[in-house]
Amino acid sequence: MKPVSELLKQRSPALFRTEPDTTVFDALQVLATHEVGALMVMVGEQLVGVLSERDYTRKVALLGKNSREVRVSEIMTANVITVSPQTRTRDCMALMSQKRIRHLPVVDAGKVVGMISIRDLMDDIIASHEQTIEQLTSYIQS
């Protein structure tokens, strides 16, 4: 398995983020606009949390709260689990499974450099398996 830095090279360098004082409604609009399932919550360049669709569903929608009134800081996951660019994708999969999370911010020397999702890891595994199949097929046919 490859390091996370290889996955990040294949993607747009955009960091989808919000701030703690933003309303949940406005943050949901950012999620929808960029078609992502989570945002990094940042104050300046410091990561202070992650806001996911799961946070919204469990902490706003199911409790009957108004997303136009609730602030991101009230529902975000503050104890953020992060990985470094050198973390292997296999280790990320294990961490996501153990912690039951779907997104991992990637932090290098205290600076956020990206975020990977379970989808990114699955796409990479599928591509790797397809490549292996092609190589084996080529080997068998020659």
C-alpha atoms as a PDB file:
ATOM      1  CA  MET A   1       0.000   0.000   0.000  1.00  0.00           C
ATOM      2  CA  LYS A   2       1.146   3.498  -0.773  1.00  0.00           C
ATOM      3  CA  PRO A   3       1.500   6.566   1.440  1.00  0.00           C
ATOM      4  CA  VAL A   4      -1.368   9.055   1.700  1.00  0.00           C
ATOM      5  CA  SER A   5       0.771  11.673  -0.067  1.00  0.00           C
ATOM      6  CA  GLU A   6       0.341   9.663  -3.293  1.00  0.00           C
ATOM      7  CA  LEU A   7      -3.453   9.872  -3.005  1.00  0.00           C
ATOM      8  CA  LEU A   8      -3.305  13.610  -2.400  1.00  0.00           C
ATOM      9  CA  LYS A   9      -1.225  14.126  -5.562  1.00  0.00           C
ATOM     10  CA  GLN A  10      -4.050  12.641  -7.638  1.00  0.00           C
ATOM     11  CA  ARG A  11      -6.639  15.080  -6.282  1.00  0.00           C
ATOM     12  CA  SER A  12      -7.398  18.761  -6.377  1.00  0.00           C
ATOM     13  CA  PRO A  13      -5.401  20.668  -3.754  1.00  0.00           C
ATOM     14  CA  ALA A  14      -8.580  22.420  -2.555  1.00  0.00           C
ATOM     15  CA  LEU A  15      -9.219  22.250   1.181  1.00  0.00           C
ATOM     16  CA  PHE A  16     -12.915  22.360   1.953  1.00  0.00           C
ATOM     17  CA  ARG A  17     -13.323  24.115   5.235  1.00  0.00           C
ATOM     18  CA  THR A  18     -15.564  26.144   7.476  1.00  0.00           C
ATOM     19  CA  GLU A  19     -15.205  28.106  10.689  1.00  0.00           C
ATOM     20  CA  PRO A  20     -16.613  27.321  14.142  1.00  0.00           C
ATOM     21  CA  ASP A  21     -18.967  30.335  14.156  1.00  0.00           C
ATOM     22  CA  THR A  22     -20.553  29.494  10.796  1.00  0.00           C
ATOM     23  CA  THR A  23     -24.142  28.300  10.922  1.00  0.00           C
ATOM     24  CA  VAL A  24     -24.657  24.627  10.233  1.00  0.00           C
ATOM     25  CA  PHE A  25     -26.954  25.604   7.349  1.00  0.00           C
ATOM     26  CA  ASP A  26     -24.159  27.571   5.642  1.00  0.00           C
ATOM     27  CA  ALA A  27     -21.724  24.693   6.203  1.00  0.00           C
ATOM     28  CA  LEU A  28     -24.239  22.262   4.666  1.00  0.00           C
ATOM     29  CA  GLN A  29     -24.354  24.472   1.596  1.00  0.00           C
ATOM     30  CA  VAL A  30     -20.561  24.155   1.267  1.00  0.00           C
ATOM     31  CA  LEU A  31     -20.846  20.367   1.595  1.00  0.00           C
ATOM     32  CA  ALA A  32     -23.512  20.281  -1.110  1.00  0.00           C
ATOM     33  CA  THR A  33     -21.700  22.675  -3.443  1.00  0.00           C
ATOM     34  CA  HIS A  34     -18.490  20.636  -3.385  1.00  0.00           C
ATOM     35  CA  GLU A  35     -20.234  17.259  -3.097  1.00  0.00           C
ATOM     36  CA  VAL A  36     -18.181  16.207  -0.072  1.00  0.00           C
ATOM     37  CA  GLY A  37     -19.237  14.504   3.145  1.00  0.00           C
ATOM     38  CA  ALA A  38     -17.118  16.476   5.606  1.00  0.00           C
ATOM     39  CA  LEU A  39     -15.443  19.829   6.132  1.00  0.00           C
ATOM     40  CA  MET A  40     -12.431  20.724   8.183  1.00  0.00           C
ATOM     41  CA  VAL A  41     -13.283  23.278  10.831  1.00  0.00           C
ATOM     42  CA  MET A  42     -10.462  25.768  11.045  1.00  0.00           C
ATOM     43  CA  VAL A  43      -9.533  28.971  12.816  1.00  0.00           C
ATOM     44  CA  GLY A  44      -7.036  30.593  10.509  1.00  0.00           C
ATOM     45  CA  GLU A  45      -4.709  27.742   9.593  1.00  0.00           C
ATOM     46  CA  GLN A  46      -5.377  25.723  12.761  1.00  0.00           C
ATOM     47  CA  LEU A  47      -7.547  22.621  12.575  1.00  0.00           C
ATOM     48  CA  VAL A  48     -10.044  22.673  15.457  1.00  0.00           C
ATOM     49  CA  GLY A  49     -12.574  20.085  14.295  1.00  0.00           C
ATOM     50  CA  VAL A  50     -14.340  18.204  11.549  1.00  0.00           C
ATOM     51  CA  LEU A  51     -17.969  18.633  10.540  1.00  0.00           C
ATOM     52  CA  SER A  52     -19.551  15.677   8.778  1.00  0.00           C
ATOM     53  CA  GLU A  53     -22.962  14.841   7.411  1.00  0.00           C
ATOM     54  CA  ARG A  54     -23.156  12.342  10.265  1.00  0.00           C
ATOM     55  CA  ASP A  55     -22.657  15.155  12.811  1.00  0.00           C
ATOM     56  CA  TYR A  56     -25.529  17.067  11.222  1.00  0.00           C
ATOM     57  CA  THR A  57     -27.834  14.074  11.087  1.00  0.00           C
ATOM     58  CA  ARG A  58     -27.280  12.998  14.676  1.00  0.00           C
ATOM     59  CA  LYS A  59     -26.854  16.347  16.410  1.00  0.00           C
ATOM     60  CA  VAL A  60     -29.253  18.603  14.503  1.00  0.00           C
ATOM     61  CA  ALA A  61     -31.798  16.776  12.342  1.00  0.00           C
ATOM     62  CA  LEU A  62     -32.661  13.978  14.781  1.00  0.00           C
ATOM     63  CA  LEU A  63     -32.875  16.407  17.704  1.00  0.00           C
ATOM     64  CA  GLY A  64     -35.190  18.777  15.843  1.00  0.00           C
ATOM     65  CA  LYS A  65     -32.765  21.691  16.001  1.00  0.00           C
ATOM     66  CA  ASN A  66     -32.696  24.489  13.438  1.00  0.00           C
ATOM     67  CA  SER A  67     -29.590  24.382  11.226  1.00  0.00           C
ATOM     68  CA  ARG A  68     -29.915  28.126  10.605  1.00  0.00           C
ATOM     69  CA  GLU A  69     -29.419  28.791  14.327  1.00  0.00           C
ATOM     70  CA  VAL A  70     -26.948  26.111  15.413  1.00  0.00           C
ATOM     71  CA  ARG A  71     -23.247  26.905  14.996  1.00  0.00           C
ATOM     72  CA  VAL A  72     -20.696  24.475  13.624  1.00  0.00           C
ATOM     73  CA  SER A  73     -18.791  24.598  16.935  1.00  0.00           C
ATOM     74  CA  GLU A  74     -21.814  23.097  18.708  1.00  0.00           C
ATOM     75  CA  ILE A  75     -21.881  19.893  16.660  1.00  0.00           C
ATOM     76  CA  MET A  76     -18.411  19.402  15.157  1.00  0.00           C
ATOM     77  CA  THR A  77     -16.147  16.573  16.185  1.00  0.00           C
ATOM     78  CA  ALA A  78     -13.464  18.380  18.171  1.00  0.00           C
ATOM     79  CA  ASN A  79     -11.169  15.440  18.964  1.00  0.00           C
ATOM     80  CA  VAL A  80      -9.894  15.075  15.426  1.00  0.00           C
ATOM     81  CA  ILE A  81      -7.937  12.023  14.397  1.00  0.00           C
ATOM     82  CA  THR A  82      -5.344  12.957  11.786  1.00  0.00           C
ATOM     83  CA  VAL A  83      -2.706  11.197   9.719  1.00  0.00           C
ATOM     84  CA  SER A  84       0.523  12.358   8.140  1.00  0.00           C
ATOM     85  CA  PRO A  85       1.335  12.290   4.423  1.00  0.00           C
ATOM     86  CA  GLN A  86       3.621   9.330   5.133  1.00  0.00           C
ATOM     87  CA  THR A  87       0.852   7.204   6.682  1.00  0.00           C
ATOM     88  CA  ARG A  88       0.193   4.124   4.570  1.00  0.00           C
ATOM     89  CA  THR A  89      -3.249   3.715   3.065  1.00  0.00           C
ATOM     90  CA  ARG A  90      -3.636   0.316   4.768  1.00  0.00           C
ATOM     91  CA  ASP A  91      -3.093   1.991   8.155  1.00  0.00           C
ATOM     92  CA  CYS A  92      -5.697   4.624   7.263  1.00  0.00           C
ATOM     93  CA  MET A  93      -8.220   1.898   6.444  1.00  0.00           C
ATOM     94  CA  ALA A  94      -7.562   0.188   9.772  1.00  0.00           C
ATOM     95  CA  LEU A  95      -7.868   3.475  11.663  1.00  0.00           C
ATOM     96  CA  MET A  96     -11.132   4.384   9.928  1.00  0.00           C
ATOM     97  CA  SER A  97     -12.544   0.962  10.699  1.00  0.00           C
ATOM     98  CA  GLN A  98     -11.469   0.997  14.355  1.00  0.00           C
ATOM     99  CA  LYS A  99     -12.700   4.537  15.009  1.00  0.00           C
ATOM    100  CA  ARG A 100     -15.783   4.249  12.755  1.00  0.00           C
ATOM    101  CA  ILE A 101     -14.936   7.389  10.839  1.00  0.00           C
ATOM    102  CA  ARG A 102     -15.054   8.176   7.125  1.00  0.00           C
ATOM    103  CA  HIS A 103     -12.684  11.140   6.813  1.00  0.00           C
ATOM    104  CA  LEU A 104      -9.108  11.776   7.917  1.00  0.00           C
ATOM    105  CA  PRO A 105      -7.432  15.175   7.764  1.00  0.00           C
ATOM    106  CA  VAL A 106      -3.821  14.946   6.605  1.00  0.00           C
ATOM    107  CA  VAL A 107      -1.456  17.114   8.647  1.00  0.00           C
ATOM    108  CA  ASP A 108       2.229  17.705   7.935  1.00  0.00           C
ATOM    109  CA  ALA A 109       4.331  19.508  10.563  1.00  0.00           C
ATOM    110  CA  GLY A 110       1.202  21.086  12.045  1.00  0.00           C
ATOM    111  CA  LYS A 111      -0.167  22.258   8.690  1.00  0.00           C
ATOM    112  CA  VAL A 112      -3.301  20.798   7.112  1.00  0.00           C
ATOM    113  CA  VAL A 113      -2.432  19.546   3.631  1.00  0.00           C
ATOM    114  CA  GLY A 114      -5.620  17.687   2.731  1.00  0.00           C
ATOM    115  CA  MET A 115      -8.291  15.246   3.757  1.00  0.00           C
ATOM    116  CA  ILE A 116      -8.897  11.710   2.576  1.00  0.00           C
ATOM    117  CA  SER A 117     -12.127   9.796   2.689  1.00  0.00           C
ATOM    118  CA  ILE A 118     -13.005   6.146   2.777  1.00  0.00           C
ATOM    119  CA  ARG A 119     -14.029   6.580  -0.881  1.00  0.00           C
ATOM    120  CA  ASP A 120     -10.511   7.744  -1.781  1.00  0.00           C
ATOM    121  CA  LEU A 121      -9.066   4.631  -0.182  1.00  0.00           C
ATOM    122  CA  MET A 122     -11.576   2.304  -1.821  1.00  0.00           C
ATOM    123  CA  ASP A 123     -10.964   3.864  -5.250  1.00  0.00           C
ATOM    124  CA  ASP A 124      -7.234   3.331  -4.745  1.00  0.00           C
ATOM    125  CA  ILE A 125      -7.698  -0.304  -3.735  1.00  0.00           C
ATOM    126  CA  ILE A 126      -9.910  -0.973  -6.751  1.00  0.00           C
ATOM    127  CA  ALA A 127      -7.404   0.666  -9.121  1.00  0.00           C
ATOM    128  CA  SER A 128      -4.588  -1.358  -7.583  1.00  0.00           C
ATOM    129  CA  HIS A 129      -6.518  -4.603  -7.981  1.00  0.00           C
ATOM    130  CA  GLU A 130      -7.370  -3.783 -11.598  1.00  0.00           C
ATOM    131  CA  GLN A 131      -3.707  -3.119 -12.315  1.00  0.00           C
ATOM    132  CA  THR A 132      -2.729  -6.420 -10.720  1.00  0.00           C
ATOM    133  CA  ILE A 133      -5.328  -8.269 -12.807  1.00  0.00           C
ATOM    134  CA  GLU A 134      -4.033  -6.637 -16.000  1.00  0.00           C
ATOM    135  CA  GLN A 135      -0.454  -7.579 -15.138  1.00  0.00           C
ATOM    136  CA  LEU A 136      -1.394 -11.177 -14.369  1.00  0.00           C
ATOM    137  CA  THR A 137      -3.454 -11.435 -17.541  1.00  0.00           C
ATOM    138  CA  SER A 138      -0.555 -10.084 -19.573  1.00  0.00           C
ATOM    139  CA  TYR A 139       1.843 -12.502 -17.906  1.00  0.00           C
ATOM    140  CA  ILE A 140      -0.431 -15.501 -18.533  1.00  0.00           C
ATOM    141  CA  GLN A 141      -0.952 -14.565 -22.194  1.00  0.00           C
ATOM    142  CA  SER A 142       2.728 -14.149 -22.960  1.00  0.00           C
END
